[in-house]
């Protein structure tokens, strides 16, 4: 969201999870910090990034009739965080 994280112990580099570098800011906000100025992120991007960090890359499934489908078609992994 363009702001420096205030979560987590600063001695550990801030808030982070598996494979995510701590203490980093991603993107920037507009002049009143209401909207992203660049690198907007949607919930599906965050979800795909969490799955990626957990090592889950195959998000396909099969319904009761045997038809394959994707659990999450939208979104992209936020590669800059890793």
PDB file of N, CA and C in Angstrom:
ATOM      1  N   UNK A   1       0.809  -1.194   0.000  1.00  0.00           N
ATOM      2  CA  UNK A   1       0.000   0.000   0.000  1.00  0.00           C
ATOM      3  C   UNK A   1       0.855   1.262   0.000  1.00  0.00           C
ATOM      4  N   UNK A   2       2.135   1.129  -0.122  1.00  0.00           N
ATOM      5  CA  UNK A   2       2.999   2.289  -0.212  1.00  0.00           C
ATOM      6  C   UNK A   2       3.441   2.858   1.117  1.00  0.00           C
ATOM      7  N   UNK A   3       3.041   2.237   2.205  1.00  0.00           N
ATOM      8  CA  UNK A   3       3.454   2.731   3.517  1.00  0.00           C
ATOM      9  C   UNK A   3       4.397   1.714   4.157  1.00  0.00           C
ATOM     10  N   UNK A   4       5.304   2.182   4.967  1.00  0.00           N
ATOM     11  CA  UNK A   4       6.215   1.284   5.663  1.00  0.00           C
ATOM     12  C   UNK A   4       5.442   0.498   6.717  1.00  0.00           C
ATOM     13  N   UNK A   5       5.740  -0.772   6.806  1.00  0.00           N
ATOM     14  CA  UNK A   5       5.046  -1.617   7.773  1.00  0.00           C
ATOM     15  C   UNK A   5       5.341  -1.190   9.206  1.00  0.00           C
ATOM     16  N   UNK A   6       4.328  -1.264  10.048  1.00  0.00           N
ATOM     17  CA  UNK A   6       4.500  -0.956  11.474  1.00  0.00           C
ATOM     18  C   UNK A   6       4.227  -2.196  12.309  1.00  0.00           C
ATOM     19  N   UNK A   7       4.081  -3.338  11.638  1.00  0.00           N
ATOM     20  CA  UNK A   7       3.769  -4.584  12.322  1.00  0.00           C
ATOM     21  C   UNK A   7       5.045  -5.386  12.496  1.00  0.00           C
ATOM     22  N   UNK A   8       5.175  -6.045  13.617  1.00  0.00           N
ATOM     23  CA  UNK A   8       6.305  -6.936  13.831  1.00  0.00           C
ATOM     24  C   UNK A   8       7.459  -6.246  14.526  1.00  0.00           C
ATOM     25  N   UNK A   9       8.361  -7.052  14.995  1.00  0.00           N
ATOM     26  CA  UNK A   9       9.542  -6.579  15.696  1.00  0.00           C
ATOM     27  C   UNK A   9      10.534  -6.033  14.673  1.00  0.00           C
ATOM     28  N   UNK A  10      10.912  -4.755  14.772  1.00  0.00           N
ATOM     29  CA  UNK A  10      11.826  -4.185  13.794  1.00  0.00           C
ATOM     30  C   UNK A  10      13.184  -4.886  13.752  1.00  0.00           C
ATOM     31  N   UNK A  11      13.568  -5.551  14.829  1.00  0.00           N
ATOM     32  CA  UNK A  11      14.843  -6.276  14.847  1.00  0.00           C
ATOM     33  C   UNK A  11      14.828  -7.455  13.885  1.00  0.00           C
ATOM     34  N   UNK A  12      13.613  -7.967  13.570  1.00  0.00           N
ATOM     35  CA  UNK A  12      13.515  -9.105  12.655  1.00  0.00           C
ATOM     36  C   UNK A  12      13.236  -8.645  11.228  1.00  0.00           C
ATOM     37  N   UNK A  13      13.234  -7.345  10.980  1.00  0.00           N
ATOM     38  CA  UNK A  13      12.989  -6.837   9.640  1.00  0.00           C
ATOM     39  C   UNK A  13      11.528  -6.534   9.376  1.00  0.00           C
ATOM     40  N   UNK A  14      10.687  -6.551  10.388  1.00  0.00           N
ATOM     41  CA  UNK A  14       9.267  -6.250  10.198  1.00  0.00           C
ATOM     42  C   UNK A  14       8.439  -7.507  10.031  1.00  0.00           C
ATOM     43  N   UNK A  15       7.202  -7.324   9.586  1.00  0.00           N
ATOM     44  CA  UNK A  15       6.290  -8.461   9.396  1.00  0.00           C
ATOM     45  C   UNK A  15       6.625  -9.172   8.105  1.00  0.00           C
ATOM     46  N   UNK A  16       6.630 -10.484   8.151  1.00  0.00           N
ATOM     47  CA  UNK A  16       6.883 -11.269   6.953  1.00  0.00           C
ATOM     48  C   UNK A  16       6.418 -12.691   7.192  1.00  0.00           C
ATOM     49  N   UNK A  17       6.441 -13.469   6.159  1.00  0.00           N
ATOM     50  CA  UNK A  17       6.071 -14.874   6.247  1.00  0.00           C
ATOM     51  C   UNK A  17       7.078 -15.703   5.497  1.00  0.00           C
ATOM     52  N   UNK A  18       6.759 -16.964   5.257  1.00  0.00           N
ATOM     53  CA  UNK A  18       7.723 -17.855   4.614  1.00  0.00           C
ATOM     54  C   UNK A  18       8.121 -17.368   3.231  1.00  0.00           C
ATOM     55  N   UNK A  19       9.393 -17.092   3.075  1.00  0.00           N
ATOM     56  CA  UNK A  19       9.919 -16.678   1.788  1.00  0.00           C
ATOM     57  C   UNK A  19       9.762 -15.206   1.464  1.00  0.00           C
ATOM     58  N   UNK A  20       9.038 -14.473   2.280  1.00  0.00           N
ATOM     59  CA  UNK A  20       8.821 -13.048   2.025  1.00  0.00           C
ATOM     60  C   UNK A  20       9.864 -12.257   2.810  1.00  0.00           C
ATOM     61  N   UNK A  21      10.566 -11.382   2.108  1.00  0.00           N
ATOM     62  CA  UNK A  21      11.565 -10.544   2.771  1.00  0.00           C
ATOM     63  C   UNK A  21      10.849  -9.553   3.678  1.00  0.00           C
ATOM     64  N   UNK A  22      11.244  -9.449   4.923  1.00  0.00           N
ATOM     65  CA  UNK A  22      10.598  -8.565   5.882  1.00  0.00           C
ATOM     66  C   UNK A  22      11.009  -7.116   5.737  1.00  0.00           C
ATOM     67  N   UNK A  23      10.196  -6.226   6.292  1.00  0.00           N
ATOM     68  CA  UNK A  23      10.524  -4.808   6.381  1.00  0.00           C
ATOM     69  C   UNK A  23      10.494  -4.056   5.077  1.00  0.00           C
ATOM     70  N   UNK A  24       9.745  -4.512   4.108  1.00  0.00           N
ATOM     71  CA  UNK A  24       9.717  -3.832   2.822  1.00  0.00           C
ATOM     72  C   UNK A  24       8.366  -3.166   2.581  1.00  0.00           C
ATOM     73  N   UNK A  25       8.389  -2.104   1.828  1.00  0.00           N
ATOM     74  CA  UNK A  25       7.168  -1.431   1.388  1.00  0.00           C
ATOM     75  C   UNK A  25       6.972  -1.767  -0.081  1.00  0.00           C
ATOM     76  N   UNK A  26       5.736  -2.023  -0.481  1.00  0.00           N
ATOM     77  CA  UNK A  26       5.446  -2.403  -1.863  1.00  0.00           C
ATOM     78  C   UNK A  26       4.572  -1.330  -2.488  1.00  0.00           C
ATOM     79  N   UNK A  27       5.064  -0.673  -3.517  1.00  0.00           N
ATOM     80  CA  UNK A  27       4.302   0.363  -4.206  1.00  0.00           C
ATOM     81  C   UNK A  27       4.285   1.676  -3.441  1.00  0.00           C
ATOM     82  N   UNK A  28       3.531   2.609  -3.992  1.00  0.00           N
ATOM     83  CA  UNK A  28       3.385   3.918  -3.354  1.00  0.00           C
ATOM     84  C   UNK A  28       1.920   4.313  -3.347  1.00  0.00           C
ATOM     85  N   UNK A  29       1.585   5.255  -2.467  1.00  0.00           N
ATOM     86  CA  UNK A  29       0.220   5.773  -2.367  1.00  0.00           C
ATOM     87  C   UNK A  29       0.129   7.141  -3.042  1.00  0.00           C
ATOM     88  N   UNK A  30      -1.115   7.555  -3.307  1.00  0.00           N
ATOM     89  CA  UNK A  30      -1.297   8.915  -3.824  1.00  0.00           C
ATOM     90  C   UNK A  30      -0.947   9.914  -2.723  1.00  0.00           C
ATOM     91  N   UNK A  31      -1.033  11.180  -3.015  1.00  0.00           N
ATOM     92  CA  UNK A  31      -0.545  12.193  -2.068  1.00  0.00           C
ATOM     93  C   UNK A  31      -1.308  12.238  -0.754  1.00  0.00           C
ATOM     94  N   UNK A  32      -2.540  11.705  -0.708  1.00  0.00           N
ATOM     95  CA  UNK A  32      -3.297  11.678   0.549  1.00  0.00           C
ATOM     96  C   UNK A  32      -3.420  10.261   1.114  1.00  0.00           C
ATOM     97  N   UNK A  33      -2.662   9.327   0.536  1.00  0.00           N
ATOM     98  CA  UNK A  33      -2.621   7.927   0.985  1.00  0.00           C
ATOM     99  C   UNK A  33      -3.995   7.261   0.946  1.00  0.00           C
ATOM    100  N   UNK A  34      -4.815   7.654  -0.023  1.00  0.00           N
ATOM    101  CA  UNK A  34      -6.145   7.062  -0.156  1.00  0.00           C
ATOM    102  C   UNK A  34      -6.167   5.911  -1.154  1.00  0.00           C
ATOM    103  N   UNK A  35      -5.329   5.992  -2.191  1.00  0.00           N
ATOM    104  CA  UNK A  35      -5.320   4.987  -3.253  1.00  0.00           C
ATOM    105  C   UNK A  35      -3.881   4.693  -3.665  1.00  0.00           C
ATOM    106  N   UNK A  36      -3.643   3.502  -4.224  1.00  0.00           N
ATOM    107  CA  UNK A  36      -2.293   3.212  -4.709  1.00  0.00           C
ATOM    108  C   UNK A  36      -1.934   4.088  -5.903  1.00  0.00           C
ATOM    109  N   UNK A  37      -0.727   4.614  -5.909  1.00  0.00           N
ATOM    110  CA  UNK A  37      -0.239   5.412  -7.032  1.00  0.00           C
ATOM    111  C   UNK A  37       0.366   4.497  -8.096  1.00  0.00           C
ATOM    112  N   UNK A  38       0.919   3.373  -7.667  1.00  0.00           N
ATOM    113  CA  UNK A  38       1.436   2.371  -8.590  1.00  0.00           C
ATOM    114  C   UNK A  38       1.361   1.007  -7.924  1.00  0.00           C
ATOM    115  N   UNK A  39       1.514  -0.037  -8.696  1.00  0.00           N
ATOM    116  CA  UNK A  39       1.505  -1.421  -8.224  1.00  0.00           C
ATOM    117  C   UNK A  39       0.263  -1.760  -7.395  1.00  0.00           C
ATOM    118  N   UNK A  40      -0.944  -1.499  -7.914  1.00  0.00           N
ATOM    119  CA  UNK A  40      -2.142  -1.870  -7.143  1.00  0.00           C
ATOM    120  C   UNK A  40      -2.220  -3.384  -6.966  1.00  0.00           C
ATOM    121  N   UNK A  41      -2.766  -3.812  -5.849  1.00  0.00           N
ATOM    122  CA  UNK A  41      -2.878  -5.228  -5.513  1.00  0.00           C
ATOM    123  C   UNK A  41      -4.333  -5.527  -5.164  1.00  0.00           C
ATOM    124  N   UNK A  42      -4.836  -6.640  -5.681  1.00  0.00           N
ATOM    125  CA  UNK A  42      -6.198  -7.077  -5.396  1.00  0.00           C
ATOM    126  C   UNK A  42      -6.156  -8.282  -4.448  1.00  0.00           C
ATOM    127  N   UNK A  43      -7.271  -8.596  -3.790  1.00  0.00           N
ATOM    128  CA  UNK A  43      -7.286  -9.750  -2.885  1.00  0.00           C
ATOM    129  C   UNK A  43      -6.835 -11.051  -3.543  1.00  0.00           C
ATOM    130  N   UNK A  44      -7.181 -11.246  -4.813  1.00  0.00           N
ATOM    131  CA  UNK A  44      -6.766 -12.483  -5.488  1.00  0.00           C
ATOM    132  C   UNK A  44      -5.250 -12.547  -5.687  1.00  0.00           C
ATOM    133  N   UNK A  45      -4.581 -11.399  -5.809  1.00  0.00           N
ATOM    134  CA  UNK A  45      -3.114 -11.372  -5.892  1.00  0.00           C
ATOM    135  C   UNK A  45      -2.498 -11.796  -4.561  1.00  0.00           C
ATOM    136  N   UNK A  46      -3.067 -11.313  -3.484  1.00  0.00           N
ATOM    137  CA  UNK A  46      -2.574 -11.676  -2.148  1.00  0.00           C
ATOM    138  C   UNK A  46      -2.787 -13.162  -1.902  1.00  0.00           C
ATOM    139  N   UNK A  47      -3.963 -13.668  -2.286  1.00  0.00           N
ATOM    140  CA  UNK A  47      -4.262 -15.086  -2.108  1.00  0.00           C
ATOM    141  C   UNK A  47      -3.289 -15.956  -2.890  1.00  0.00           C
ATOM    142  N   UNK A  48      -3.055 -15.622  -4.160  1.00  0.00           N
ATOM    143  CA  UNK A  48      -2.112 -16.408  -4.962  1.00  0.00           C
ATOM    144  C   UNK A  48      -0.707 -16.332  -4.371  1.00  0.00           C
ATOM    145  N   UNK A  49      -0.328 -15.181  -3.816  1.00  0.00           N
ATOM    146  CA  UNK A  49       0.993 -15.030  -3.211  1.00  0.00           C
ATOM    147  C   UNK A  49       1.119 -15.890  -1.952  1.00  0.00           C
ATOM    148  N   UNK A  50       0.060 -15.985  -1.180  1.00  0.00           N
ATOM    149  CA  UNK A  50       0.073 -16.826   0.023  1.00  0.00           C
ATOM    150  C   UNK A  50       0.217 -18.293  -0.370  1.00  0.00           C
ATOM    151  N   UNK A  51      -0.569 -18.730  -1.359  1.00  0.00           N
ATOM    152  CA  UNK A  51      -0.432 -20.108  -1.844  1.00  0.00           C
ATOM    153  C   UNK A  51       0.989 -20.373  -2.339  1.00  0.00           C
ATOM    154  N   UNK A  52       1.542 -19.417  -3.077  1.00  0.00           N
ATOM    155  CA  UNK A  52       2.909 -19.546  -3.599  1.00  0.00           C
ATOM    156  C   UNK A  52       3.905 -19.712  -2.447  1.00  0.00           C
ATOM    157  N   UNK A  53       3.767 -18.895  -1.421  1.00  0.00           N
ATOM    158  CA  UNK A  53       4.676 -18.970  -0.274  1.00  0.00           C
ATOM    159  C   UNK A  53       4.555 -20.306   0.453  1.00  0.00           C
ATOM    160  N   UNK A  54       3.366 -20.898   0.404  1.00  0.00           N
ATOM    161  CA  UNK A  54       3.140 -22.199   1.055  1.00  0.00           C
ATOM    162  C   UNK A  54       3.558 -23.366   0.170  1.00  0.00           C
ATOM    163  N   UNK A  55       3.991 -23.070  -1.066  1.00  0.00           N
ATOM    164  CA  UNK A  55       4.410 -24.127  -1.977  1.00  0.00           C
ATOM    165  C   UNK A  55       3.266 -24.779  -2.729  1.00  0.00           C
ATOM    166  N   UNK A  56       2.094 -24.163  -2.713  1.00  0.00           N
ATOM    167  CA  UNK A  56       0.927 -24.692  -3.420  1.00  0.00           C
ATOM    168  C   UNK A  56       0.812 -23.956  -4.746  1.00  0.00           C
ATOM    169  N   UNK A  57       1.107 -24.667  -5.837  1.00  0.00           N
ATOM    170  CA  UNK A  57       1.097 -24.031  -7.154  1.00  0.00           C
ATOM    171  C   UNK A  57      -0.014 -24.574  -8.040  1.00  0.00           C
ATOM    172  N   UNK A  58      -0.510 -25.769  -7.748  1.00  0.00           N
ATOM    173  CA  UNK A  58      -1.583 -26.366  -8.530  1.00  0.00           C
ATOM    174  C   UNK A  58      -2.902 -26.080  -7.827  1.00  0.00           C
ATOM    175  N   UNK A  59      -3.673 -25.150  -8.377  1.00  0.00           N
ATOM    176  CA  UNK A  59      -4.951 -24.775  -7.786  1.00  0.00           C
ATOM    177  C   UNK A  59      -6.119 -25.355  -8.585  1.00  0.00           C
ATOM    178  N   UNK A  60      -5.905 -26.545  -9.153  1.00  0.00           N
ATOM    179  CA  UNK A  60      -6.976 -27.195  -9.894  1.00  0.00           C
ATOM    180  C   UNK A  60      -7.687 -28.201  -8.992  1.00  0.00           C
ATOM    181  N   UNK A  61      -8.949 -28.440  -9.307  1.00  0.00           N
ATOM    182  CA  UNK A  61      -9.763 -29.385  -8.546  1.00  0.00           C
ATOM    183  C   UNK A  61     -10.736 -30.052  -9.511  1.00  0.00           C
ATOM    184  N   UNK A  62     -11.474 -31.028  -9.012  1.00  0.00           N
ATOM    185  CA  UNK A  62     -12.460 -31.738  -9.817  1.00  0.00           C
ATOM    186  C   UNK A  62     -13.781 -31.722  -9.064  1.00  0.00           C
ATOM    187  N   UNK A  63     -14.871 -31.370  -9.765  1.00  0.00           N
ATOM    188  CA  UNK A  63     -16.179 -31.339  -9.114  1.00  0.00           C
ATOM    189  C   UNK A  63     -16.746 -32.760  -9.008  1.00  0.00           C
ATOM    190  N   UNK A  64     -17.874 -32.946  -8.308  1.00  0.00           N
ATOM    191  CA  UNK A  64     -18.434 -34.292  -8.113  1.00  0.00           C
ATOM    192  C   UNK A  64     -18.764 -35.028  -9.420  1.00  0.00           C
ATOM    193  N   UNK A  65     -18.963 -34.295 -10.509  1.00  0.00           N
ATOM    194  CA  UNK A  65     -19.230 -34.931 -11.797  1.00  0.00           C
ATOM    195  C   UNK A  65     -17.948 -35.235 -12.577  1.00  0.00           C
ATOM    196  N   UNK A  66     -16.787 -34.983 -11.971  1.00  0.00           N
ATOM    197  CA  UNK A  66     -15.514 -35.288 -12.605  1.00  0.00           C
ATOM    198  C   UNK A  66     -14.992 -34.206 -13.529  1.00  0.00           C
ATOM    199  N   UNK A  67     -15.608 -33.018 -13.485  1.00  0.00           N
ATOM    200  CA  UNK A  67     -15.168 -31.914 -14.352  1.00  0.00           C
ATOM    201  C   UNK A  67     -14.091 -31.097 -13.645  1.00  0.00           C
ATOM    202  N   UNK A  68     -12.962 -30.867 -14.322  1.00  0.00           N
ATOM    203  CA  UNK A  68     -11.894 -30.065 -13.709  1.00  0.00           C
ATOM    204  C   UNK A  68     -12.251 -28.573 -13.697  1.00  0.00           C
ATOM    205  N   UNK A  69     -11.771 -27.883 -12.681  1.00  0.00           N
ATOM    206  CA  UNK A  69     -11.919 -26.429 -12.600  1.00  0.00           C
ATOM    207  C   UNK A  69     -10.781 -25.858 -11.783  1.00  0.00           C
ATOM    208  N   UNK A  70     -10.565 -24.561 -11.918  1.00  0.00           N
ATOM    209  CA  UNK A  70      -9.526 -23.852 -11.171  1.00  0.00           C
ATOM    210  C   UNK A  70     -10.138 -23.222  -9.923  1.00  0.00           C
ATOM    211  N   UNK A  71      -9.484 -23.383  -8.789  1.00  0.00           N
ATOM    212  CA  UNK A  71      -9.962 -22.783  -7.549  1.00  0.00           C
ATOM    213  C   UNK A  71      -9.814 -21.264  -7.568  1.00  0.00           C
ATOM    214  N   UNK A  72      -8.810 -20.770  -8.287  1.00  0.00           N
ATOM    215  CA  UNK A  72      -8.579 -19.333  -8.348  1.00  0.00           C
ATOM    216  C   UNK A  72      -7.991 -18.993  -9.711  1.00  0.00           C
ATOM    217  N   UNK A  73      -8.857 -18.599 -10.646  1.00  0.00           N
ATOM    218  CA  UNK A  73      -8.404 -18.237 -11.992  1.00  0.00           C
ATOM    219  C   UNK A  73      -7.704 -16.884 -12.005  1.00  0.00           C
ATOM    220  N   UNK A  74      -8.224 -15.940 -11.238  1.00  0.00           N
ATOM    221  CA  UNK A  74      -7.714 -14.569 -11.260  1.00  0.00           C
ATOM    222  C   UNK A  74      -6.495 -14.434 -10.362  1.00  0.00           C
ATOM    223  N   UNK A  75      -5.819 -13.319 -10.514  1.00  0.00           N
ATOM    224  CA  UNK A  75      -4.717 -12.974  -9.624  1.00  0.00           C
ATOM    225  C   UNK A  75      -3.359 -13.448 -10.107  1.00  0.00           C
ATOM    226  N   UNK A  76      -2.346 -12.781  -9.615  1.00  0.00           N
ATOM    227  CA  UNK A  76      -0.962 -13.105  -9.923  1.00  0.00           C
ATOM    228  C   UNK A  76      -0.141 -13.068  -8.642  1.00  0.00           C
ATOM    229  N   UNK A  77       0.884 -13.895  -8.589  1.00  0.00           N
ATOM    230  CA  UNK A  77       1.817 -13.878  -7.446  1.00  0.00           C
ATOM    231  C   UNK A  77       2.559 -12.545  -7.464  1.00  0.00           C
ATOM    232  N   UNK A  78       2.684 -11.907  -6.319  1.00  0.00           N
ATOM    233  CA  UNK A  78       3.427 -10.646  -6.207  1.00  0.00           C
ATOM    234  C   UNK A  78       4.898 -11.019  -6.046  1.00  0.00           C
ATOM    235  N   UNK A  79       5.558 -11.254  -7.174  1.00  0.00           N
ATOM    236  CA  UNK A  79       6.932 -11.773  -7.199  1.00  0.00           C
ATOM    237  C   UNK A  79       7.919 -10.859  -6.473  1.00  0.00           C
ATOM    238  N   UNK A  80       7.687  -9.541  -6.510  1.00  0.00           N
ATOM    239  CA  UNK A  80       8.628  -8.599  -5.881  1.00  0.00           C
ATOM    240  C   UNK A  80       8.760  -8.809  -4.380  1.00  0.00           C
ATOM    241  N   UNK A  81       7.815  -9.475  -3.743  1.00  0.00           N
ATOM    242  CA  UNK A  81       7.868  -9.686  -2.302  1.00  0.00           C
ATOM    243  C   UNK A  81       8.814 -10.812  -1.896  1.00  0.00           C
ATOM    244  N   UNK A  82       9.140 -11.682  -2.845  1.00  0.00           N
ATOM    245  CA  UNK A  82       9.930 -12.874  -2.526  1.00  0.00           C
ATOM    246  C   UNK A  82      11.387 -12.705  -2.876  1.00  0.00           C
TER     247      UNK A  82
END
